[in-house]
């Protein structure tokens, strides 16, 4: 509980607000006190200064004691000669010794407070006149004012604290609303999004980032769910085929030739299982940079030419020609990377192109480069790729036909995903376009010699 309060943003805001309010109110109280005291000081000085002028004008009546100011009892008068001796006093109140040399003084005598001023004068007989006034009324007023200011200060701080709690609670209410939405998020409810139309500007960006993160999480969980379904299907089909064939073989006596056919068919299904598992493992290692790589400078033609020779027989069956076109190759199109990995990536594209291209057509491999990247573009004509499938073509096990009724494809749908991971491991990217019957795969490979694996 103590830790929660210590790290509470609301508590910190309330404390800072109350501290600021305390400082402002305390400063205001001190300023009012100073202003009142200064006002009384200035008022007393003006009053006694006017009395001094009157006394100075009636010094000649001092001996006869006929001046009214000399007999007034609201002001205390002392006249000092040039020898520093007291010449005259209109009361029994003793003159403080300090007023003989100081110009102003406050003191107490018999429980009463006094303020006096010493006025220097030009006179052949007298040196200065000291006038004082009783301050009991002023002090009584200031004491009452101090009590009022103290209570005002305390009540204002209490009101300020209550207002701070209300304001902070009201100001942080959008956070509570945000928390209520986030509490609804779970594995089963990743579609929850926080509306930011009514949120303050300070939280809008945070909510937008939070919603993007939820989008990524939902996409990741969806892909994981689809991956589990896809891998289960890919493994189930060959296992079902083997189980069916084995049960049929065991249902009655078979000839050795029939057993050989069944075992051969099962071997093909086992090979299909093995390839799916190997491709899945390879893809996982590639995406996590766990593949061993032999980095070396390679020419693009050195990578691609053996693949063309390998696929020539398959191309002749469909009367397809594979051509290489070099466009603006700098430094001969040298690529720093792993030969086997790059050949596997390009081989997957070529295999797909041969499988889906039209008979009696040409597959063109365009090679180009700039200062930073080498580009390999593989173009073929054939059945166009649906626009809805283009964004997902490089996903694992992706097939445009979700029902998987078309069995013409022998692959598990991992080839393009492996190609993408290899290209990204070389600091590049891959894209695909389908314009009418022209399909083009573009591979961009970074030319850097830095360690990318």
Protein backbone atom coordinates (compact mmCIF):
# COMPACT_ATOMS: atom_id res chain seq x y z
CA UNK A 1 0.00 0.00 0.00
CA UNK A 2 2.82 2.38 0.89
CA UNK A 3 4.59 1.61 -2.37
CA UNK A 4 1.37 2.16 -4.32
CA UNK A 5 0.87 5.57 -2.72
CA UNK A 6 4.51 6.46 -3.26
CA UNK A 7 4.30 5.71 -6.98
CA UNK A 8 0.79 7.11 -7.40
CA UNK A 9 0.63 9.85 -10.02
CA UNK A 10 -2.54 11.22 -8.40
CA UNK A 11 -0.82 11.49 -5.02
CA UNK A 12 2.14 13.30 -6.56
CA UNK A 13 -0.10 15.73 -8.45
CA UNK A 14 -2.14 16.49 -5.31
CA UNK A 15 1.04 16.99 -3.28
CA UNK A 16 2.54 19.33 -5.90
CA UNK A 17 -0.73 21.29 -6.19
CA UNK A 18 -1.01 21.67 -2.40
CA UNK A 19 2.66 22.64 -2.10
CA UNK A 20 2.20 25.33 -4.74
CA UNK A 21 -0.97 26.55 -3.05
CA UNK A 22 0.80 26.59 0.33
CA UNK A 23 3.66 28.69 -1.03
CA UNK A 24 1.29 31.14 -2.77
CA UNK A 25 -0.97 31.55 0.28
CA UNK A 26 1.97 31.86 2.67
CA UNK A 27 3.57 34.48 0.43
CA UNK A 28 0.27 36.39 0.23
CA UNK A 29 -0.13 36.28 4.03
CA UNK A 30 3.38 37.56 4.64
CA UNK A 31 2.94 40.33 2.06
CA UNK A 32 -0.34 41.46 3.72
CA UNK A 33 1.35 41.48 7.15
CA UNK A 34 4.29 43.48 5.83
CA UNK A 35 2.00 45.93 3.99
CA UNK A 36 -0.13 46.62 7.10
CA UNK A 37 2.92 47.09 9.34
CA UNK A 38 4.59 49.32 6.79
CA UNK A 39 1.37 51.33 6.47
CA UNK A 40 1.24 51.97 10.24
CA UNK A 41 4.93 52.82 10.28
CA UNK A 42 4.51 55.38 7.48
CA UNK A 43 1.33 56.74 9.09
CA UNK A 44 3.06 57.22 12.46
CA UNK A 45 6.04 58.88 10.84
CA UNK A 46 3.87 61.35 8.93
CA UNK A 47 1.90 62.17 12.08
CA UNK A 48 4.97 62.70 14.24
CA UNK A 49 6.75 64.59 11.48
CA UNK A 50 3.88 67.08 11.35
CA UNK A 51 4.08 67.43 15.13
CA UNK A 52 7.83 67.99 14.86
CA UNK A 53 7.27 70.89 12.47
CA UNK A 54 4.82 72.41 14.91
CA UNK A 55 7.17 71.97 17.87
CA UNK A 56 10.09 73.38 15.90
CA UNK A 57 8.00 76.49 15.18
CA UNK A 58 7.08 77.00 18.84
CA UNK A 59 10.42 76.43 20.56
CA UNK A 60 10.44 80.02 21.67
CA UNK A 61 7.40 79.28 23.87
CA UNK A 62 9.20 76.42 25.55
CA UNK A 63 10.09 78.37 28.68
CA UNK A 64 6.55 79.66 29.10
CA UNK A 65 5.15 76.21 28.33
CA UNK A 66 2.37 77.90 26.36
CA UNK A 67 2.59 75.77 23.18
CA UNK A 68 -0.38 73.39 22.83
CA UNK A 69 1.83 70.61 21.43
CA UNK A 70 3.84 70.63 24.60
CA UNK A 71 0.84 69.69 26.66
CA UNK A 72 -0.75 67.13 24.31
CA UNK A 73 -0.58 63.69 25.86
CA UNK A 74 -1.12 61.54 22.72
CA UNK A 75 2.48 62.24 21.67
CA UNK A 76 5.55 62.01 23.85
CA UNK A 77 8.10 64.79 23.42
CA UNK A 78 11.76 65.07 24.33
CA UNK A 79 14.06 67.94 23.41
CA UNK A 80 17.82 67.34 23.39
CA UNK A 81 20.44 70.10 23.36
CA UNK A 82 23.80 70.06 21.61
CA UNK A 83 25.45 68.46 24.66
CA UNK A 84 23.16 65.42 24.28
CA UNK A 85 21.32 66.27 27.49
CA UNK A 86 17.57 66.11 27.83
CA UNK A 87 16.26 69.66 28.05
CA UNK A 88 12.51 69.08 28.07
CA UNK A 89 9.95 66.24 28.35
CA UNK A 90 6.17 66.46 28.42
CA UNK A 91 5.66 63.15 30.27
CA UNK A 92 7.17 60.85 32.84
CA UNK A 93 7.97 58.26 30.15
CA UNK A 94 11.69 57.70 30.11
CA UNK A 95 13.55 58.44 26.90
CA UNK A 96 15.26 55.27 25.60
CA UNK A 97 19.02 55.90 25.40
CA UNK A 98 19.10 54.51 21.86
CA UNK A 99 16.90 57.34 20.57
CA UNK A 100 19.65 59.78 21.50
CA UNK A 101 21.61 58.47 18.54
CA UNK A 102 19.13 56.44 16.41
CA UNK A 103 16.53 57.95 14.11
CA UNK A 104 13.76 55.38 14.82
CA UNK A 105 13.03 52.89 17.57
CA UNK A 106 10.28 50.61 18.87
CA UNK A 107 10.27 49.57 22.52
CA UNK A 108 8.12 48.46 25.40
CA UNK A 109 7.65 50.05 28.81
CA UNK A 110 5.31 48.82 31.56
CA UNK A 111 3.44 46.56 29.15
CA UNK A 112 2.90 49.27 26.54
CA UNK A 113 4.48 49.54 23.09
CA UNK A 114 5.92 52.75 21.71
CA UNK A 115 7.40 53.94 18.43
CA UNK A 116 9.63 56.99 18.37
CA UNK A 117 11.51 59.09 15.80
CA UNK A 118 14.45 61.40 16.35
CA UNK A 119 14.31 64.56 14.21
CA UNK A 120 17.52 66.49 13.70
CA UNK A 121 17.16 70.30 13.64
CA UNK A 122 19.18 73.45 13.03
CA UNK A 123 18.95 75.54 16.20
CA UNK A 124 21.55 77.44 18.24
CA UNK A 125 20.41 75.84 21.50
CA UNK A 126 18.71 72.52 20.67
CA UNK A 127 20.13 69.62 18.66
CA UNK A 128 17.17 67.26 18.14
CA UNK A 129 13.54 66.64 18.99
CA UNK A 130 12.34 63.11 19.78
CA UNK A 131 8.65 62.33 19.33
CA UNK A 132 6.96 59.01 20.20
CA UNK A 133 3.48 57.54 20.03
CA UNK A 134 1.72 54.69 21.78
CA UNK A 135 1.44 51.59 19.52
CA UNK A 136 -0.98 49.52 21.61
CA UNK A 137 -3.85 50.15 19.20
CA UNK A 138 -1.72 49.22 16.21
CA UNK A 139 -0.47 46.03 17.87
CA UNK A 140 -4.00 45.06 18.88
CA UNK A 141 -5.17 45.47 15.31
CA UNK A 142 -2.17 43.56 13.91
CA UNK A 143 -2.70 40.70 16.38
CA UNK A 144 -6.35 40.42 15.39
CA UNK A 145 -5.32 40.60 11.73
CA UNK A 146 -2.73 37.84 12.27
CA UNK A 147 -5.44 35.57 13.69
CA UNK A 148 -7.70 36.31 10.72
CA UNK A 149 -4.83 35.70 8.29
CA UNK A 150 -3.88 32.45 10.06
CA UNK A 151 -7.41 31.06 9.86
CA UNK A 152 -7.76 32.29 6.31
CA UNK A 153 -4.46 30.58 5.46
CA UNK A 154 -5.50 27.29 7.06
CA UNK A 155 -9.03 27.24 5.60
CA UNK A 156 -7.72 28.24 2.16
CA UNK A 157 -5.22 25.39 2.27
CA UNK A 158 -7.95 22.93 3.24
CA UNK A 159 -10.18 24.19 0.42
CA UNK A 160 -7.22 24.08 -1.95
CA UNK A 161 -6.46 20.48 -0.91
CA UNK A 162 -10.07 19.42 -1.43
CA UNK A 163 -10.13 21.16 -4.79
CA UNK A 164 -6.83 19.50 -5.71
CA UNK A 165 -8.26 16.05 -4.92
CA UNK A 166 -11.39 16.81 -6.95
CA UNK A 167 -9.42 18.29 -9.86
CA UNK A 168 -6.86 15.48 -10.02
CA UNK A 169 -9.57 12.83 -9.78
CA UNK A 170 -11.53 14.55 -12.52
CA UNK A 171 -8.42 15.11 -14.64
CA UNK A 172 -7.31 11.48 -14.33
CA UNK A 173 -10.74 10.03 -15.05
CA UNK A 174 -9.74 9.37 -18.70
CA UNK A 175 -7.01 7.07 -17.36
CA UNK A 176 -9.61 5.12 -15.42
CA UNK A 177 -11.70 4.89 -18.57
CA UNK A 178 -8.64 3.70 -20.47
CA UNK A 179 -7.98 1.09 -17.78
CA UNK A 180 -11.58 -0.14 -17.98
CA UNK A 181 -11.11 -0.79 -21.70
CA UNK A 182 -7.74 -2.48 -21.23
CA UNK A 183 -9.22 -4.74 -18.53
CA UNK A 184 -11.48 -6.17 -21.22
CA UNK A 185 -8.52 -7.24 -23.35
CA UNK A 186 -7.80 -10.96 -23.21
CA UNK A 187 -6.77 -13.75 -25.55
CA UNK A 188 -10.44 -14.27 -26.38
CA UNK A 189 -11.10 -10.53 -26.81
CA UNK A 190 -8.19 -9.06 -28.74
CA UNK A 191 -10.61 -7.05 -30.87
CA UNK A 192 -11.16 -4.48 -28.09
CA UNK A 193 -10.01 -1.01 -29.15
CA UNK A 194 -9.92 2.13 -27.04
CA UNK A 195 -11.89 5.01 -28.61
CA UNK A 196 -9.80 8.19 -28.51
CA UNK A 197 -12.37 10.67 -29.80
CA UNK A 198 -13.27 11.87 -26.28
CA UNK A 199 -9.83 11.55 -24.74
CA UNK A 200 -7.56 14.56 -24.09
CA UNK A 201 -4.76 15.32 -26.52
CA UNK A 202 -2.13 14.06 -24.06
CA UNK A 203 -3.65 10.55 -24.14
CA UNK A 204 -4.66 10.38 -27.80
CA UNK A 205 -1.19 9.45 -29.01
CA UNK A 206 -0.80 6.88 -26.22
CA UNK A 207 -4.15 5.31 -27.09
CA UNK A 208 -3.28 5.28 -30.79
CA UNK A 209 -0.05 3.45 -29.99
CA UNK A 210 -1.94 1.06 -27.70
CA UNK A 211 -4.47 0.29 -30.43
CA UNK A 212 -1.67 -0.37 -32.92
CA UNK A 213 -0.07 -2.75 -30.44
CA UNK A 214 -3.41 -4.56 -30.05
CA UNK A 215 -3.66 -4.76 -33.84
CA UNK A 216 -0.24 -6.42 -33.96
CA UNK A 217 -1.15 -8.78 -31.13
CA UNK A 218 -4.43 -9.74 -32.77
CA UNK A 219 -2.68 -10.29 -36.08
CA UNK A 220 0.01 -12.37 -34.36
CA UNK A 221 -2.52 -14.54 -32.52
CA UNK A 222 -4.55 -14.96 -35.70
CA UNK A 223 -1.46 -16.03 -37.61
CA UNK A 224 -0.51 -18.40 -34.77
CA UNK A 225 -3.99 -19.91 -34.81
CA UNK A 226 -3.92 -20.27 -38.58
CA UNK A 227 -0.42 -21.71 -38.40
CA UNK A 228 -1.56 -24.37 -35.93
CA UNK A 229 -4.51 -25.21 -38.16
CA UNK A 230 -2.38 -25.25 -41.31
CA UNK A 231 0.42 -27.37 -39.89
CA UNK A 232 -2.14 -29.80 -38.48
CA UNK A 233 -3.76 -30.08 -41.91
CA UNK A 234 -0.44 -30.50 -43.72
CA UNK A 235 0.56 -33.31 -41.36
CA UNK A 236 -2.86 -34.88 -41.21
CA UNK A 237 -3.31 -35.38 -44.97
CA UNK A 238 -0.29 -37.64 -45.60
CA UNK A 239 -0.88 -39.50 -42.34
CA UNK A 240 -4.50 -40.13 -43.31
CA UNK A 241 -3.40 -41.33 -46.75
CA UNK A 242 -0.88 -43.75 -45.23
CA UNK A 243 -3.41 -44.99 -42.67
CA UNK A 244 -6.05 -45.59 -45.34
CA UNK A 245 -3.66 -47.38 -47.69
CA UNK A 246 -2.29 -49.52 -44.86
CA UNK A 247 -5.79 -50.50 -43.70
CA UNK A 248 -6.77 -51.38 -47.26
CA UNK A 249 -3.60 -53.45 -47.65
CA UNK A 250 -4.33 -55.32 -44.42
CA UNK A 251 -7.97 -55.97 -45.26
CA UNK A 252 -7.04 -58.85 -47.57
CA UNK A 253 -4.11 -60.75 -48.98
CA UNK A 254 -2.07 -58.82 -51.55
CA UNK A 255 0.50 -59.74 -54.13
CA UNK A 256 4.11 -58.64 -53.63
CA UNK A 257 3.69 -56.07 -56.41
CA UNK A 258 0.68 -54.54 -54.65
CA UNK A 259 2.58 -54.39 -51.37
CA UNK A 260 5.44 -52.67 -53.17
CA UNK A 261 3.04 -50.10 -54.65
CA UNK A 262 1.53 -49.42 -51.22
CA UNK A 263 4.95 -49.11 -49.59
CA UNK A 264 6.11 -46.81 -52.40
CA UNK A 265 3.04 -44.62 -51.94
CA UNK A 266 3.62 -44.50 -48.17
CA UNK A 267 7.26 -43.57 -48.79
CA UNK A 268 6.10 -40.61 -50.90
CA UNK A 269 3.79 -39.47 -48.10
CA UNK A 270 6.61 -39.86 -45.55
CA UNK A 271 8.86 -37.79 -47.81
CA UNK A 272 6.15 -35.14 -47.98
CA UNK A 273 5.95 -35.12 -44.17
CA UNK A 274 9.71 -34.93 -43.90
CA UNK A 275 9.87 -31.98 -46.34
CA UNK A 276 7.16 -30.09 -44.45
CA UNK A 277 8.95 -30.57 -41.13
CA UNK A 278 12.32 -29.62 -42.62
CA UNK A 279 10.89 -26.48 -44.25
CA UNK A 280 9.18 -25.46 -41.01
CA UNK A 281 12.41 -25.94 -39.07
CA UNK A 282 14.42 -24.07 -41.70
CA UNK A 283 11.96 -21.17 -41.62
CA UNK A 284 12.06 -20.99 -37.82
CA UNK A 285 15.87 -20.99 -37.77
CA UNK A 286 16.06 -18.41 -40.53
CA UNK A 287 13.67 -16.01 -38.81
CA UNK A 288 15.61 -16.36 -35.55
CA UNK A 289 19.03 -16.04 -37.22
CA UNK A 290 20.09 -19.54 -36.17
CA UNK A 291 21.20 -20.76 -39.61
CA UNK A 292 24.87 -21.30 -40.24
CA UNK A 293 25.95 -19.07 -43.14
CA UNK A 294 29.05 -18.90 -45.27
CA UNK A 295 29.37 -15.23 -46.16
CA UNK A 296 31.34 -14.43 -49.28
CA UNK A 297 31.27 -12.01 -52.22
CA UNK A 298 29.26 -13.52 -55.09
CA UNK A 299 28.23 -12.40 -58.55
CA UNK A 300 24.53 -12.58 -59.28
CA UNK A 301 25.16 -14.61 -62.43
CA UNK A 302 27.19 -17.11 -60.39
CA UNK A 303 24.17 -17.58 -58.11
CA UNK A 304 21.52 -17.82 -60.82
CA UNK A 305 23.19 -19.67 -63.72
CA UNK A 306 23.29 -23.10 -61.97
CA UNK A 307 19.58 -22.74 -61.18
CA UNK A 308 18.73 -22.11 -64.82
CA UNK A 309 20.64 -25.22 -65.83
CA UNK A 310 18.83 -27.23 -63.14
CA UNK A 311 15.35 -26.14 -64.28
CA UNK A 312 16.04 -26.48 -68.05
CA UNK A 313 14.52 -29.97 -68.26
CA UNK A 314 11.30 -28.87 -66.53
CA UNK A 315 11.20 -25.79 -68.76
CA UNK A 316 11.59 -27.92 -71.92
CA UNK A 317 8.57 -30.02 -70.93
CA UNK A 318 6.41 -26.86 -71.10
CA UNK A 319 8.42 -25.33 -73.97
CA UNK A 320 9.41 -22.44 -71.70
CA UNK A 321 12.55 -20.33 -72.13
CA UNK A 322 14.48 -18.81 -69.21
CA UNK A 323 16.43 -15.66 -70.10
CA UNK A 324 18.78 -13.44 -68.08
CA UNK A 325 18.80 -9.70 -68.78
CA UNK A 326 21.48 -7.52 -67.15
CA UNK A 327 20.46 -3.90 -66.54
CA UNK A 328 22.96 -1.38 -65.13
CA UNK A 329 24.95 -3.81 -63.02
CA UNK A 330 27.54 -1.92 -60.96
CA UNK A 331 30.74 -3.80 -60.15
CA UNK A 332 29.37 -6.85 -61.99
CA UNK A 333 26.48 -7.23 -59.51
CA UNK A 334 28.58 -8.45 -56.58
CA UNK A 335 26.47 -9.62 -53.65
CA UNK A 336 27.89 -10.43 -50.21
CA UNK A 337 26.01 -13.38 -48.76
CA UNK A 338 25.48 -17.12 -48.46
CA UNK A 339 25.32 -18.85 -51.85
CA UNK A 340 23.16 -21.81 -50.80
CA UNK A 341 20.64 -19.61 -48.99
CA UNK A 342 20.35 -17.19 -51.91
CA UNK A 343 20.03 -20.05 -54.41
CA UNK A 344 17.26 -21.60 -52.30
CA UNK A 345 15.37 -18.29 -52.22
CA UNK A 346 15.64 -17.74 -55.99
CA UNK A 347 14.93 -21.43 -56.67
CA UNK A 348 11.58 -21.14 -54.85
CA UNK A 349 10.58 -18.23 -57.10
CA UNK A 350 11.71 -20.00 -60.27
CA UNK A 351 9.92 -23.18 -59.28
CA UNK A 352 6.66 -21.27 -58.75
CA UNK A 353 7.13 -19.39 -62.02
CA UNK A 354 7.63 -22.63 -63.97
CA UNK A 355 4.69 -24.29 -62.26
CA UNK A 356 2.22 -21.46 -62.94
CA UNK A 357 3.47 -19.96 -66.22
CA UNK A 358 1.87 -20.45 -69.61
CA UNK A 359 3.29 -23.04 -71.98
CA UNK A 360 5.37 -21.65 -74.86
CA UNK A 361 6.24 -18.55 -72.82
CA UNK A 362 9.41 -16.93 -71.48
CA UNK A 363 10.56 -16.40 -67.91
CA UNK A 364 12.76 -13.32 -67.71
CA UNK A 365 15.28 -12.73 -64.92
CA UNK A 366 16.29 -9.06 -64.81
CA UNK A 367 19.44 -8.12 -62.89
CA UNK A 368 20.20 -4.53 -61.87
CA UNK A 369 21.92 -2.67 -59.06
CA UNK A 370 22.60 0.75 -57.57
CA UNK A 371 24.96 2.02 -54.89
CA UNK A 372 23.21 0.17 -52.07
CA UNK A 373 21.16 -2.71 -53.45
CA UNK A 374 21.21 -5.52 -56.02
CA UNK A 375 17.84 -6.23 -57.61
CA UNK A 376 16.60 -9.53 -59.04
CA UNK A 377 13.27 -9.42 -60.85
CA UNK A 378 11.68 -12.66 -62.08
CA UNK A 379 8.85 -12.11 -64.60
CA UNK A 380 6.51 -14.71 -66.10
CA UNK A 381 3.13 -14.79 -67.82
CA UNK A 382 0.35 -16.96 -66.52
CA UNK A 383 -2.77 -17.07 -64.42
CA UNK A 384 -2.91 -13.76 -62.46
CA UNK A 385 -2.67 -13.75 -58.68
CA UNK A 386 -5.89 -12.44 -57.04
CA UNK A 387 -5.42 -8.95 -55.60
CA UNK A 388 -6.82 -10.16 -52.26
CA UNK A 389 -4.00 -12.72 -52.02
CA UNK A 390 -1.06 -10.41 -52.77
CA UNK A 391 -0.61 -9.05 -49.18
CA UNK A 392 -0.53 -12.59 -47.73
CA UNK A 393 1.43 -14.44 -50.40
CA UNK A 394 4.57 -14.65 -48.23
CA UNK A 395 2.77 -15.90 -45.10
CA UNK A 396 3.39 -19.47 -43.96
CA UNK A 397 1.04 -22.11 -45.37
CA UNK A 398 -0.93 -19.41 -47.16
CA UNK A 399 -3.16 -20.59 -50.00
CA UNK A 400 -5.72 -18.57 -51.87
CA UNK A 401 -8.04 -21.57 -51.65
CA UNK A 402 -8.78 -21.83 -47.92
CA UNK A 403 -10.78 -25.01 -48.42
CA UNK A 404 -7.65 -26.71 -49.89
CA UNK A 405 -9.71 -28.53 -52.46
CA UNK A 406 -7.12 -27.90 -55.18
CA UNK A 407 -4.45 -30.52 -54.85
CA UNK A 408 -2.41 -29.59 -57.90
CA UNK A 409 0.14 -27.91 -55.62
CA UNK A 410 2.55 -30.39 -54.08
CA UNK A 411 4.08 -27.85 -51.69
CA UNK A 412 2.98 -27.02 -48.17
CA UNK A 413 2.95 -23.28 -48.77
CA UNK A 414 6.29 -22.55 -47.08
CA UNK A 415 8.50 -21.79 -50.09
CA UNK A 416 7.70 -18.07 -50.41
CA UNK A 417 7.84 -17.60 -46.62
CA UNK A 418 11.34 -19.14 -46.63
CA UNK A 419 12.34 -16.91 -49.56
CA UNK A 420 11.21 -13.80 -47.69
CA UNK A 421 13.11 -14.76 -44.53
CA UNK A 422 16.32 -15.38 -46.53
CA UNK A 423 16.01 -12.05 -48.36
CA UNK A 424 15.39 -10.20 -45.09
CA UNK A 425 18.41 -11.96 -43.56
CA UNK A 426 20.46 -10.34 -46.35
CA UNK A 427 19.16 -6.90 -45.36
CA UNK A 428 16.68 -6.78 -48.23
CA UNK A 429 13.01 -7.16 -49.05
CA UNK A 430 10.77 -8.95 -51.52
CA UNK A 431 7.57 -7.88 -53.27
CA UNK A 432 5.20 -9.22 -55.89
CA UNK A 433 2.94 -7.62 -58.49
CA UNK A 434 0.31 -9.08 -60.77
CA UNK A 435 -0.80 -6.97 -63.72
CA UNK A 436 -3.26 -8.81 -65.94
CA UNK A 437 -1.29 -11.98 -66.80
CA UNK A 438 2.19 -10.65 -65.97
CA UNK A 439 3.50 -11.73 -62.56
CA UNK A 440 6.74 -10.20 -61.27
CA UNK A 441 8.67 -11.05 -58.09
CA UNK A 442 11.24 -8.40 -57.07
CA UNK A 443 14.09 -9.23 -54.68
CA UNK A 444 16.13 -6.33 -53.25
CA UNK A 445 19.41 -7.46 -51.63
CA UNK A 446 21.61 -5.08 -49.65
CA UNK A 447 25.20 -4.97 -50.97
CA UNK A 448 26.87 -4.31 -47.64
CA UNK A 449 29.73 -6.52 -46.49
CA UNK A 450 28.69 -6.24 -42.83
CA UNK A 451 27.73 -9.32 -40.89
CA UNK A 452 24.00 -9.73 -41.39
CA UNK A 453 23.49 -13.26 -40.13
